[in-house]
Protein backbone atom coordinates (compact mmCIF):
# COMPACT_ATOMS: atom_id res chain seq x y z
CA UNK A 1 29.09 -159.76 -81.14
CA UNK A 2 32.70 -158.56 -81.06
CA UNK A 3 35.66 -160.10 -79.27
CA UNK A 4 38.14 -157.70 -77.66
CA UNK A 5 41.60 -159.00 -76.74
CA UNK A 6 44.48 -156.95 -75.35
CA UNK A 7 47.98 -158.00 -74.37
CA UNK A 8 47.48 -157.55 -70.61
CA UNK A 9 44.00 -159.11 -70.47
CA UNK A 10 43.60 -162.28 -68.40
CA UNK A 11 40.50 -163.18 -70.45
CA UNK A 12 38.86 -161.94 -73.66
CA UNK A 13 35.89 -159.56 -73.68
CA UNK A 14 32.76 -160.59 -75.60
CA UNK A 15 30.78 -157.46 -76.41
CA UNK A 16 27.30 -157.12 -77.90
CA UNK A 17 27.64 -153.31 -77.71
CA UNK A 18 29.09 -151.97 -80.99
CA UNK A 19 30.08 -148.58 -79.56
CA UNK A 20 31.42 -148.50 -76.01
CA UNK A 21 31.94 -145.11 -74.36
CA UNK A 22 35.45 -144.29 -73.15
CA UNK A 23 34.76 -144.50 -69.39
CA UNK A 24 32.96 -147.81 -69.77
CA UNK A 25 35.83 -149.21 -71.85
CA UNK A 26 38.33 -148.28 -69.11
CA UNK A 27 36.19 -150.19 -66.62
CA UNK A 28 35.99 -153.19 -68.97
CA UNK A 29 39.79 -153.14 -69.31
CA UNK A 30 40.08 -153.31 -65.52
CA UNK A 31 37.65 -156.24 -65.30
CA UNK A 32 39.58 -158.22 -67.90
CA UNK A 33 42.79 -157.81 -65.85
CA UNK A 34 41.37 -159.21 -62.62
CA UNK A 35 43.26 -162.32 -61.41
CA UNK A 36 40.12 -164.24 -60.38
CA UNK A 37 37.96 -163.64 -63.45
CA UNK A 38 36.55 -166.78 -65.13
CA UNK A 39 36.91 -167.36 -68.90
CA UNK A 40 35.68 -164.01 -70.25
CA UNK A 41 33.88 -160.71 -69.62
CA UNK A 42 30.47 -160.35 -71.30
CA UNK A 43 29.19 -156.87 -72.18
CA UNK A 44 25.55 -156.40 -73.11
CA UNK A 45 24.22 -154.18 -75.89
CA UNK A 46 22.98 -151.45 -73.50
CA UNK A 47 26.39 -150.93 -71.85
CA UNK A 48 27.33 -147.61 -70.22
CA UNK A 49 29.65 -146.64 -67.37
CA UNK A 50 28.84 -147.27 -63.70
CA UNK A 51 30.79 -147.51 -60.45
CA UNK A 52 33.69 -149.94 -60.88
CA UNK A 53 31.88 -152.11 -63.41
CA UNK A 54 29.78 -150.79 -66.29
CA UNK A 55 26.02 -151.14 -66.38
CA UNK A 56 25.31 -153.98 -68.79
CA UNK A 57 28.32 -155.99 -67.58
CA UNK A 58 28.42 -159.69 -66.69
CA UNK A 59 31.38 -160.93 -64.66
CA UNK A 60 32.06 -164.45 -63.39
CA UNK A 61 34.61 -164.89 -60.60
CA UNK A 62 36.04 -167.80 -58.68
CA UNK A 63 35.94 -167.74 -54.86
CA UNK A 64 35.20 -164.01 -54.48
CA UNK A 65 32.36 -161.50 -54.79
CA UNK A 66 32.58 -157.80 -55.68
CA UNK A 67 29.87 -155.47 -54.25
CA UNK A 68 30.45 -152.84 -56.96
CA UNK A 69 29.90 -155.52 -59.63
CA UNK A 70 26.32 -155.82 -58.35
CA UNK A 71 25.67 -152.12 -57.82
CA UNK A 72 23.84 -149.97 -55.32
CA UNK A 73 20.23 -150.80 -56.22
CA UNK A 74 20.50 -154.49 -55.39
CA UNK A 75 17.65 -156.55 -56.82
CA UNK A 76 16.43 -153.77 -59.08
CA UNK A 77 14.37 -155.31 -61.80
CA UNK A 78 11.19 -155.57 -63.78
CA UNK A 79 7.77 -157.10 -63.44
CA UNK A 80 5.00 -157.22 -66.00
CA UNK A 81 1.45 -158.52 -66.15
CA UNK A 82 -0.78 -159.24 -69.14
CA UNK A 83 -4.39 -158.25 -68.56
CA UNK A 84 -7.56 -159.57 -70.17
CA UNK A 85 -8.27 -156.09 -71.61
CA UNK A 86 -7.76 -155.57 -75.32
CA UNK A 87 -8.61 -151.86 -75.31
CA UNK A 88 -8.74 -149.08 -72.71
CA UNK A 89 -10.57 -145.78 -73.04
CA UNK A 90 -8.33 -142.72 -72.68
CA UNK A 91 -10.56 -141.17 -70.00
CA UNK A 92 -10.52 -144.41 -68.00
CA UNK A 93 -6.75 -144.57 -68.44
CA UNK A 94 -6.36 -141.04 -67.06
CA UNK A 95 -8.46 -141.96 -64.01
CA UNK A 96 -6.41 -145.11 -63.43
CA UNK A 97 -3.15 -143.17 -63.65
CA UNK A 98 -4.49 -140.57 -61.22
CA UNK A 99 -5.37 -143.25 -58.68
CA UNK A 100 -1.99 -144.94 -59.10
CA UNK A 101 -0.27 -141.65 -58.27
CA UNK A 102 -2.35 -141.40 -55.09
CA UNK A 103 -1.70 -145.01 -54.08
CA UNK A 104 2.00 -145.50 -54.90
CA UNK A 105 4.58 -143.03 -53.53
CA UNK A 106 7.35 -142.04 -55.95
CA UNK A 107 10.82 -140.50 -55.60
CA UNK A 108 11.90 -140.16 -51.96
CA UNK A 109 8.32 -140.42 -50.74
CA UNK A 110 7.06 -143.38 -48.72
CA UNK A 111 3.83 -144.62 -47.16
CA UNK A 112 2.65 -142.68 -44.13
CA UNK A 113 1.74 -145.91 -42.34
CA UNK A 114 3.73 -149.12 -41.96
CA UNK A 115 2.64 -151.80 -44.40
CA UNK A 116 1.67 -155.34 -43.42
CA UNK A 117 4.82 -157.05 -42.12
CA UNK A 118 3.72 -160.29 -43.80
CA UNK A 119 4.56 -158.63 -47.11
CA UNK A 120 8.25 -158.60 -46.20
CA UNK A 121 10.45 -161.52 -47.34
CA UNK A 122 9.44 -164.59 -45.33
CA UNK A 123 12.69 -165.88 -43.95
CA UNK A 124 13.53 -162.87 -41.78
CA UNK A 125 10.46 -160.98 -40.54
CA UNK A 126 9.76 -163.38 -37.65
CA UNK A 127 13.38 -163.51 -36.59
CA UNK A 128 13.59 -159.72 -36.26
CA UNK A 129 11.29 -159.85 -33.23
CA UNK A 130 12.15 -163.30 -31.83
CA UNK A 131 15.94 -163.25 -32.21
CA UNK A 132 16.98 -159.58 -32.46
CA UNK A 133 20.61 -160.13 -31.41
CA UNK A 134 21.18 -163.06 -33.77
CA UNK A 135 19.52 -161.18 -36.61
CA UNK A 136 21.59 -158.07 -36.00
CA UNK A 137 24.78 -160.12 -36.23
CA UNK A 138 23.81 -161.96 -39.43
CA UNK A 139 21.86 -159.10 -41.04
CA UNK A 140 23.30 -155.88 -39.57
CA UNK A 141 22.16 -153.52 -42.34
CA UNK A 142 18.79 -155.20 -42.87
CA UNK A 143 18.13 -155.00 -39.11
CA UNK A 144 19.09 -151.33 -39.08
CA UNK A 145 16.87 -150.46 -42.08
CA UNK A 146 14.00 -152.89 -41.41
CA UNK A 147 11.54 -150.48 -39.74
CA UNK A 148 12.06 -147.87 -42.44
CA UNK A 149 11.49 -150.54 -45.07
CA UNK A 150 8.01 -151.18 -43.70
CA UNK A 151 7.00 -147.78 -45.07
CA UNK A 152 9.07 -148.16 -48.26
CA UNK A 153 7.67 -151.46 -49.50
CA UNK A 154 5.22 -150.80 -52.31
CA UNK A 155 6.90 -147.54 -53.39
CA UNK A 156 8.45 -146.76 -56.76
CA UNK A 157 11.60 -144.83 -55.95
CA UNK A 158 13.26 -142.33 -58.28
CA UNK A 159 15.63 -142.11 -61.23
CA UNK A 160 14.73 -144.42 -64.10
CA UNK A 161 12.06 -146.35 -62.18
CA UNK A 162 8.63 -146.30 -63.76
CA UNK A 163 5.11 -147.65 -63.98
CA UNK A 164 3.82 -148.03 -67.52
CA UNK A 165 0.51 -149.08 -69.08
CA UNK A 166 1.13 -150.62 -72.50
CA UNK A 167 -0.56 -152.16 -75.51
CA UNK A 168 1.02 -155.38 -76.76
CA UNK A 169 1.18 -156.68 -80.30
CA UNK A 170 -0.61 -159.70 -78.83
CA UNK A 171 -3.68 -157.44 -78.64
CA UNK A 172 -3.68 -157.10 -74.83
CA UNK A 173 -3.16 -154.29 -72.34
CA UNK A 174 -0.11 -154.83 -70.11
CA UNK A 175 1.18 -153.27 -66.89
CA UNK A 176 4.94 -152.96 -66.33
CA UNK A 177 6.94 -151.82 -63.29
CA UNK A 178 10.65 -151.03 -62.94
CA UNK A 179 11.82 -150.66 -59.34
CA UNK A 180 14.35 -151.93 -56.81
CA UNK A 181 15.15 -152.49 -53.15
CA UNK A 182 14.83 -148.85 -52.09
CA UNK A 183 17.26 -147.90 -49.29
CA UNK A 184 18.11 -151.51 -48.44
CA UNK A 185 20.23 -151.97 -51.56
CA UNK A 186 22.07 -148.68 -51.25
CA UNK A 187 23.01 -149.18 -47.60
CA UNK A 188 24.02 -152.82 -48.04
CA UNK A 189 26.15 -151.96 -51.08
CA UNK A 190 27.86 -149.06 -49.31
CA UNK A 191 28.53 -150.98 -46.09
CA UNK A 192 30.10 -154.02 -47.73
CA UNK A 193 32.02 -152.07 -50.37
CA UNK A 194 33.56 -149.98 -47.58
CA UNK A 195 34.42 -153.20 -45.72
CA UNK A 196 35.98 -154.65 -48.87
CA UNK A 197 38.11 -151.53 -49.41
CA UNK A 198 39.48 -151.74 -45.85
CA UNK A 199 40.13 -155.47 -46.06
CA UNK A 200 41.79 -155.22 -49.48
CA UNK A 201 44.10 -152.57 -48.04
CA UNK A 202 44.89 -154.84 -45.09
CA UNK A 203 45.60 -157.78 -47.43
CA UNK A 204 47.88 -155.63 -49.67
CA UNK A 205 45.65 -156.40 -52.64
CA UNK A 206 47.30 -155.79 -56.02
CA UNK A 207 44.02 -154.48 -57.46
CA UNK A 208 44.30 -150.67 -57.58
CA UNK A 209 41.83 -148.87 -55.31
CA UNK A 210 40.90 -146.46 -58.11
CA UNK A 211 39.43 -149.38 -60.09
CA UNK A 212 36.59 -149.46 -57.49
CA UNK A 213 36.57 -153.27 -57.58
CA UNK A 214 37.27 -154.18 -53.96
CA UNK A 215 36.37 -157.83 -53.31
CA UNK A 216 35.36 -160.19 -50.51
CA UNK A 217 36.25 -163.92 -50.37
CA UNK A 218 33.16 -166.11 -50.48
CA UNK A 219 34.27 -168.09 -47.44
CA UNK A 220 35.02 -165.01 -45.31
CA UNK A 221 32.63 -163.73 -42.66
CA UNK A 222 32.26 -160.48 -44.60
CA UNK A 223 31.64 -162.27 -47.90
CA UNK A 224 29.01 -164.53 -46.37
CA UNK A 225 27.39 -161.52 -44.73
CA UNK A 226 27.20 -159.61 -48.01
CA UNK A 227 25.65 -162.57 -49.81
CA UNK A 228 22.99 -162.98 -47.08
CA UNK A 229 22.04 -159.31 -47.09
CA UNK A 230 22.25 -159.01 -50.88
CA UNK A 231 19.84 -161.93 -51.25
CA UNK A 232 17.47 -160.31 -48.76
CA UNK A 233 17.54 -157.09 -50.80
CA UNK A 234 16.77 -159.07 -53.97
CA UNK A 235 13.76 -160.67 -52.24
CA UNK A 236 12.62 -157.32 -50.86
CA UNK A 237 12.82 -155.71 -54.31
CA UNK A 238 10.53 -158.42 -55.69
CA UNK A 239 8.14 -158.00 -52.73
CA UNK A 240 8.15 -154.26 -53.43
CA UNK A 241 7.18 -154.76 -57.07
CA UNK A 242 4.54 -157.35 -56.17
CA UNK A 243 2.82 -154.98 -53.74
CA UNK A 244 2.75 -152.17 -56.29
CA UNK A 245 1.33 -154.53 -58.90
CA UNK A 246 -1.33 -155.74 -56.48
CA UNK A 247 -2.35 -152.14 -55.72
CA UNK A 248 -2.54 -151.42 -59.44
CA UNK A 249 -4.72 -154.51 -59.93
CA UNK A 250 -7.18 -153.17 -57.35
CA UNK A 251 -7.23 -149.78 -59.09
CA UNK A 252 -7.94 -151.39 -62.47
CA UNK A 253 -10.76 -153.25 -60.77
CA UNK A 254 -12.41 -149.97 -59.80
CA UNK A 255 -12.76 -148.91 -63.44
CA UNK A 256 -12.64 -152.12 -65.52
CA UNK A 257 -13.33 -155.84 -65.31
CA UNK A 258 -9.69 -156.65 -66.12
CA UNK A 259 -8.25 -160.00 -65.07
CA UNK A 260 -4.51 -159.98 -64.36
CA UNK A 261 -2.42 -162.99 -65.42
CA UNK A 262 0.45 -164.30 -63.22
CA UNK A 263 3.31 -161.86 -62.76
CA UNK A 264 6.52 -162.05 -64.79
CA UNK A 265 9.47 -160.97 -62.64
CA UNK A 266 13.16 -160.57 -63.46
CA UNK A 267 16.00 -158.90 -61.54
CA UNK A 268 19.01 -157.27 -63.17
CA UNK A 269 21.35 -156.27 -60.29
CA UNK A 270 22.55 -159.30 -58.32
CA UNK A 271 25.15 -162.06 -58.06
CA UNK A 272 24.62 -165.78 -57.64
CA UNK A 273 26.54 -169.05 -57.82
CA UNK A 274 26.09 -170.85 -61.14
CA UNK A 275 27.76 -173.75 -62.95
CA UNK A 276 29.51 -172.89 -66.19
CA UNK A 277 31.62 -175.33 -68.21
CA UNK A 278 35.02 -174.27 -69.59
CA UNK A 279 34.91 -176.99 -72.23
CA UNK A 280 31.53 -175.83 -73.56
CA UNK A 281 32.68 -172.23 -73.68
CA UNK A 282 35.82 -173.21 -75.61
CA UNK A 283 33.84 -175.50 -77.93
CA UNK A 284 31.41 -172.78 -78.89
CA UNK A 285 34.26 -170.50 -79.91
CA UNK A 286 36.13 -173.27 -81.75
CA UNK A 287 32.99 -174.48 -83.55
CA UNK A 288 32.18 -171.10 -85.05
CA UNK A 289 33.94 -171.59 -88.41
CA UNK A 290 32.27 -174.95 -89.10
CA UNK A 291 28.93 -173.55 -87.93
CA UNK A 292 29.12 -170.63 -90.38
CA UNK A 293 30.25 -172.95 -93.17
CA UNK A 294 27.29 -175.30 -92.74
CA UNK A 295 24.81 -172.43 -92.58
CA UNK A 296 25.90 -171.54 -96.12
CA UNK A 297 24.84 -174.94 -97.52
CA UNK A 298 21.42 -174.61 -99.31
CA UNK A 299 20.13 -178.00 -98.15
CA UNK A 300 20.82 -177.02 -94.51
CA UNK A 301 18.46 -174.05 -94.82
CA UNK A 302 15.79 -176.30 -96.33
CA UNK A 303 16.06 -178.81 -93.49
CA UNK A 304 16.11 -176.03 -90.91
CA UNK A 305 12.72 -174.85 -92.20
CA UNK A 306 11.03 -177.97 -90.77
CA UNK A 307 13.59 -179.44 -88.35
CA UNK A 308 14.32 -176.29 -86.32
CA UNK A 309 13.62 -176.98 -82.63
CA UNK A 310 13.49 -180.77 -83.13
CA UNK A 311 16.07 -183.34 -82.06
CA UNK A 312 16.45 -187.00 -83.09
CA UNK A 313 15.29 -189.59 -80.54
CA UNK A 314 14.56 -193.30 -80.71
CA UNK A 315 11.17 -194.84 -80.05
CA UNK A 316 10.89 -198.14 -78.20
CA UNK A 317 10.39 -199.83 -81.57
CA UNK A 318 13.90 -198.76 -82.52
CA UNK A 319 12.64 -196.27 -85.09
CA UNK A 320 13.79 -192.68 -85.29
CA UNK A 321 11.53 -189.76 -84.33
CA UNK A 322 12.08 -186.00 -84.24
CA UNK A 323 11.14 -184.55 -80.84
CA UNK A 324 10.12 -180.92 -80.35
CA UNK A 325 9.25 -179.02 -77.19
CA UNK A 326 5.65 -180.25 -77.08
CA UNK A 327 5.25 -182.56 -80.06
CA UNK A 328 7.08 -184.98 -82.32
CA UNK A 329 7.57 -184.97 -86.07
CA UNK A 330 7.41 -187.87 -88.51
CA UNK A 331 9.01 -186.52 -91.69
CA UNK A 332 7.10 -186.76 -94.94
CA UNK A 333 8.64 -188.48 -97.98
CA UNK A 334 9.62 -185.11 -99.43
CA UNK A 335 11.23 -184.08 -96.12
CA UNK A 336 13.15 -187.39 -96.02
CA UNK A 337 14.43 -186.52 -99.48
CA UNK A 338 15.75 -183.18 -98.24
CA UNK A 339 17.40 -184.93 -95.26
CA UNK A 340 19.16 -187.30 -97.68
CA UNK A 341 20.32 -184.37 -99.82
CA UNK A 342 21.80 -182.69 -96.75
CA UNK A 343 23.53 -185.97 -95.84
CA UNK A 344 25.14 -186.05 -99.31
CA UNK A 345 26.20 -182.41 -98.95
CA UNK A 346 27.77 -183.01 -95.53
CA UNK A 347 29.86 -185.91 -96.84
CA UNK A 348 30.98 -183.87 -99.84
CA UNK A 349 31.90 -180.90 -97.68
CA UNK A 350 33.64 -183.00 -94.99
CA UNK A 351 35.53 -185.90 -96.65
CA UNK A 352 36.93 -186.98 -93.24
CA UNK A 353 33.52 -188.37 -92.25
CA UNK A 354 33.23 -192.14 -92.16
CA UNK A 355 31.02 -193.88 -94.71
CA UNK A 356 27.55 -192.58 -95.40
CA UNK A 357 24.53 -194.76 -94.74
CA UNK A 358 20.85 -194.15 -95.37
CA UNK A 359 18.41 -193.90 -92.47
CA UNK A 360 15.29 -193.03 -94.43
CA UNK A 361 13.81 -196.46 -93.72
CA UNK A 362 14.63 -196.16 -90.00
CA UNK A 363 11.93 -193.67 -89.04
CA UNK A 364 9.28 -194.89 -86.63
CA UNK A 365 6.05 -196.03 -88.32
CA UNK A 366 4.08 -196.68 -85.12
CA UNK A 367 0.65 -195.15 -84.60
CA UNK A 368 -0.34 -193.24 -81.44
CA UNK A 369 3.22 -192.63 -80.24
CA UNK A 370 3.41 -191.48 -76.60
CA UNK A 371 5.20 -188.15 -76.25
CA UNK A 372 6.08 -188.99 -72.62
CA UNK A 373 7.62 -192.26 -73.76
CA UNK A 374 9.78 -190.43 -76.28
CA UNK A 375 11.00 -188.12 -73.54
CA UNK A 376 11.89 -191.06 -71.28
CA UNK A 377 14.07 -192.67 -73.92
CA UNK A 378 15.83 -189.47 -74.96
CA UNK A 379 18.53 -189.30 -72.29
CA UNK A 380 19.27 -193.00 -72.75
CA UNK A 381 19.87 -192.43 -76.45
CA UNK A 382 21.87 -189.28 -75.66
CA UNK A 383 24.77 -191.32 -74.29
CA UNK A 384 24.50 -193.93 -77.02
CA UNK A 385 24.11 -191.72 -80.08
CA UNK A 386 25.18 -188.27 -78.81
CA UNK A 387 22.75 -185.55 -79.84
CA UNK A 388 21.63 -187.87 -82.66
CA UNK A 389 22.32 -185.54 -85.57
CA UNK A 390 25.26 -187.50 -86.96
CA UNK A 391 23.06 -190.60 -86.90
CA UNK A 392 20.21 -188.69 -88.56
CA UNK A 393 22.44 -187.55 -91.43
CA UNK A 394 24.10 -190.92 -92.03
CA UNK A 395 27.55 -190.35 -90.49
CA UNK A 396 28.99 -193.81 -89.79
CA UNK A 397 30.75 -192.93 -86.53
CA UNK A 398 29.57 -190.04 -84.37
CA UNK A 399 31.82 -187.05 -84.91
CA UNK A 400 31.25 -185.13 -81.71
CA UNK A 401 32.12 -181.72 -83.10
CA UNK A 402 29.83 -182.13 -86.12
CA UNK A 403 27.07 -183.55 -83.93
CA UNK A 404 27.35 -180.52 -81.65
CA UNK A 405 27.46 -177.98 -84.51
CA UNK A 406 24.41 -179.55 -86.16
CA UNK A 407 22.73 -179.42 -82.77
CA UNK A 408 23.57 -175.71 -82.56
CA UNK A 409 21.94 -175.14 -85.96
CA UNK A 410 18.72 -176.98 -85.13
CA UNK A 411 18.43 -176.57 -81.34
CA UNK A 412 20.31 -173.33 -80.69
CA UNK A 413 22.67 -173.00 -77.71
CA UNK A 414 20.79 -175.72 -75.82
CA UNK A 415 22.89 -178.17 -77.86
CA UNK A 416 25.94 -177.25 -75.80
CA UNK A 417 24.10 -177.84 -72.53
CA UNK A 418 23.04 -181.27 -73.81
CA UNK A 419 26.53 -182.09 -75.09
CA UNK A 420 27.85 -181.31 -71.61
CA UNK A 421 25.67 -184.12 -70.19
CA UNK A 422 26.99 -186.80 -72.52
CA UNK A 423 29.10 -189.40 -70.69
CA UNK A 424 30.00 -191.62 -73.65
CA UNK A 425 33.69 -191.38 -74.58
CA UNK A 426 33.52 -193.63 -77.66
CA UNK A 427 32.98 -190.72 -80.04
CA UNK A 428 35.57 -189.87 -82.66
CA UNK A 429 36.29 -186.79 -80.52
CA UNK A 430 36.15 -187.60 -76.81
CA UNK A 431 36.01 -184.80 -74.27
CA UNK A 432 35.89 -184.29 -70.55
CA UNK A 433 33.42 -181.66 -69.46
CA UNK A 434 34.04 -179.94 -66.15
CA UNK A 435 31.33 -177.52 -65.01
CA UNK A 436 32.81 -174.99 -62.58
CA UNK A 437 30.88 -173.20 -59.86
CA UNK A 438 31.43 -169.46 -60.27
CA UNK A 439 29.88 -166.31 -58.86
CA UNK A 440 28.11 -164.60 -61.76
CA UNK A 441 27.61 -160.86 -61.24
CA UNK A 442 24.90 -159.28 -63.39
CA UNK A 443 24.92 -155.51 -63.16
CA UNK A 444 22.24 -154.09 -65.40
CA UNK A 445 21.99 -157.47 -67.12
CA UNK A 446 19.17 -160.02 -67.20
CA UNK A 447 19.17 -163.81 -66.98
CA UNK A 448 18.46 -165.36 -70.39
CA UNK A 449 18.58 -169.15 -70.10
CA UNK A 450 16.48 -171.16 -72.53
CA UNK A 451 13.65 -171.44 -69.99
CA UNK A 452 13.72 -167.80 -68.83
CA UNK A 453 10.94 -165.38 -69.74
CA UNK A 454 12.38 -161.90 -69.31
CA UNK A 455 11.54 -158.23 -69.71
CA UNK A 456 13.59 -155.63 -71.59
CA UNK A 457 12.09 -152.13 -71.25
CA UNK A 458 12.66 -149.26 -73.63
CA UNK A 459 12.86 -145.62 -72.65
CA UNK A 460 9.87 -143.37 -72.04
CA UNK A 461 7.96 -143.37 -75.35
CA UNK A 462 9.61 -146.40 -76.98
CA UNK A 463 8.74 -150.07 -77.13
CA UNK A 464 9.43 -152.60 -74.39
CA UNK A 465 9.73 -156.35 -74.89
CA UNK A 466 8.75 -159.62 -73.29
CA UNK A 467 11.51 -162.04 -74.32
CA UNK A 468 12.60 -165.66 -74.03
CA UNK A 469 16.27 -166.43 -73.46
CA UNK A 470 18.34 -168.44 -75.90
CA UNK A 471 20.85 -169.73 -73.34
CA UNK A 472 23.94 -168.31 -75.05
CA UNK A 473 26.85 -169.52 -72.92
CA UNK A 474 29.15 -166.81 -74.29
CA UNK A 475 27.05 -164.21 -72.45
CA UNK A 476 26.78 -166.41 -69.34
CA UNK A 477 23.09 -166.86 -70.32
CA UNK A 478 22.47 -163.10 -70.08
CA UNK A 479 20.99 -160.24 -72.08
CA UNK A 480 20.52 -156.47 -71.73
CA UNK A 481 18.30 -154.99 -69.03
CA UNK A 482 16.96 -152.10 -71.11
CA UNK A 483 17.92 -149.51 -73.69
CA UNK A 484 20.89 -148.09 -71.75
CA UNK A 485 21.76 -144.45 -71.32
CA UNK A 486 23.60 -142.53 -74.03
CA UNK A 487 23.62 -139.28 -72.00
CA UNK A 488 24.28 -138.63 -68.33
CA UNK A 489 21.47 -136.95 -66.41
CA UNK A 490 22.97 -133.45 -66.40
CA UNK A 491 24.11 -133.87 -69.99
CA UNK A 492 20.53 -134.65 -71.03
CA UNK A 493 19.20 -131.57 -69.22
CA UNK A 494 21.79 -129.41 -71.00
CA UNK A 495 21.48 -130.83 -74.50
CA UNK A 496 17.94 -132.07 -75.07
CA UNK A 497 15.19 -129.76 -76.24
CA UNK A 498 12.20 -129.84 -73.88
CA UNK A 499 9.63 -128.90 -76.52
CA UNK A 500 10.91 -131.54 -78.96
CA UNK A 501 10.88 -134.31 -76.36
CA UNK A 502 7.38 -133.39 -75.19
CA UNK A 503 6.15 -133.23 -78.79
CA UNK A 504 7.48 -136.74 -79.52
CA UNK A 505 5.39 -138.19 -76.72
CA UNK A 506 2.33 -136.02 -77.36
CA UNK A 507 2.32 -137.00 -81.04
CA UNK A 508 2.33 -140.66 -79.97
CA UNK A 509 -0.61 -140.05 -77.65
CA UNK A 510 1.38 -141.17 -74.59
CA UNK A 511 0.35 -139.87 -71.17
CA UNK A 512 3.87 -139.03 -70.03
CA UNK A 513 5.89 -137.56 -67.18
CA UNK A 514 7.96 -134.83 -68.84
CA UNK A 515 6.98 -131.41 -67.48
CA UNK A 516 10.19 -129.40 -67.23
CA UNK A 517 13.94 -129.30 -67.84
CA UNK A 518 14.68 -131.52 -64.84
CA UNK A 519 12.59 -134.30 -66.41
CA UNK A 520 14.77 -134.48 -69.53
CA UNK A 521 17.15 -136.94 -67.85
CA UNK A 522 14.45 -139.57 -68.46
CA UNK A 523 13.38 -138.40 -71.92
CA UNK A 524 13.57 -140.70 -74.93
CA UNK A 525 16.58 -138.81 -76.30
CA UNK A 526 18.67 -139.59 -73.20
CA UNK A 527 18.66 -143.30 -74.07
CA UNK A 528 20.01 -145.53 -76.82
CA UNK A 529 17.72 -146.69 -79.62
CA UNK A 530 16.00 -149.78 -78.17
CA UNK A 531 15.52 -151.22 -81.68
CA UNK A 532 19.30 -151.22 -82.19
CA UNK A 533 19.87 -152.66 -78.73
CA UNK A 534 17.51 -155.55 -79.53
CA UNK A 535 19.00 -156.09 -82.99
CA UNK A 536 22.47 -156.38 -81.44
CA UNK A 537 21.37 -159.23 -79.17
CA UNK A 538 19.33 -161.41 -81.51
CA UNK A 539 21.53 -164.36 -80.51
CA UNK A 540 20.68 -163.82 -76.82
CA UNK A 541 16.88 -163.51 -76.79
CA UNK A 542 13.78 -164.17 -78.82
CA UNK A 543 11.09 -161.47 -78.76
CA UNK A 544 7.72 -162.85 -77.66
CA UNK A 545 5.67 -159.65 -77.29
CA UNK A 546 6.31 -156.03 -78.30
CA UNK A 547 4.73 -153.44 -76.00
CA UNK A 548 3.87 -149.88 -76.99
CA UNK A 549 3.53 -147.32 -74.15
CA UNK A 550 0.14 -145.73 -73.45
CA UNK A 551 0.82 -143.99 -70.13
CA UNK A 552 3.89 -143.53 -67.91
CA UNK A 553 4.60 -142.58 -64.30
CA UNK A 554 8.27 -141.87 -63.55
CA UNK A 555 10.01 -141.99 -60.18
């Protein structure tokens, strides 16, 4: 990750993209100069230029929302399902793909008949008929587009949208869909961006029109209207993907006995209110030098090999335990020895620490310890002993910075979320945390909190990934939404070789969608190397499953 700072920036830019194209960089410069931006701009590893804000950008603002920082395909995102199949015959696969093409319209096509209205997002479909005037006032664009949407739900759309059958390194066959809100998103984005442009002109906004970053106050009628209709488009996009996945499940059932697991869904074009703490953000940046220094200590690496993912907690007996996500650890005598060595190393490296004491005899010796009981006592001990790492390594008085940095080493970024909850001000370093509610815009970026399971697709013919977020607060808990384009559509048609791109996919045995020059805009060569994109965001996500394409349908 690189930090970009310029003299006229209001905030720094944190970029996981090592090479940013010129147009995208100009847009990033504009974002960093906005008067209402919060703390920083975060740029994901798949960044490329868009309208106003680059794709792969994450922007947090106070009191306003920017339609162009969400984009025109509101709610566009991914869904994926793991099936019970471990193999699929190529002839069966071809039949399945043929039936999918018959069942799911692509491009500008739609269903000939209206789909079941119960498939539409719940909170509006009844009101359309019962309260048409009220609905039209609160949801003007949704009301206008609603009837058309009844034939668009369950359709793929065009551009980079796709349906893909994949084989995972978990041994299972997967189904993945990339699609959005169809015409809803486009019309909502256009309507409210046009409104914002007019209002910004009326208010004599100092933000240049050519930046394409017209804004709406959150408490304005127009801002509230955009948020309502944006959220509806996000819900519709998910309903759209769900219907396609359900149709695909039925098709698989015609040719196999596959069982589909629950759907994984993640959006990557939306904005929502979130709480982010200025103190935590500043701490993470200020802690970096100590963090890197401790990672270079040999005993730290040895302890990390068995303590990673565990945090110190106190049992009701008063003894110390190490709590993981689903289990607890009682260290062995040899592990206690390594803990004591690390304690010695910490005190040698940091002479300012108060007197060392030995906790090796303090570990819980009870039999049949209740995991639930450990969990109950954790948050009580949090305010008494901080994260517990200073106590674990024999530091006489809790040094909050060291406690937090050790937590970062062993728990990852979750340590900063936990530190934010600590109310005790008796530490050697007392702090006041102040979470701020901000509007986080993710445009071609995916949520990646520690409890988020996400999807990062590659390009046609490359791997896709099921991931788990690491909750990195520097990225506003975000990661990339895909590989990211390295060529514009027309540029790809001009510069890529059709025979070479087809051969790549044929040699891999992928049933693909490249037939002519016009298809080259979605060829593998038009996109960045997904392996590099993933390598550049190792601190944002953990890869759970790698998925290799078997067959692709493009929009």
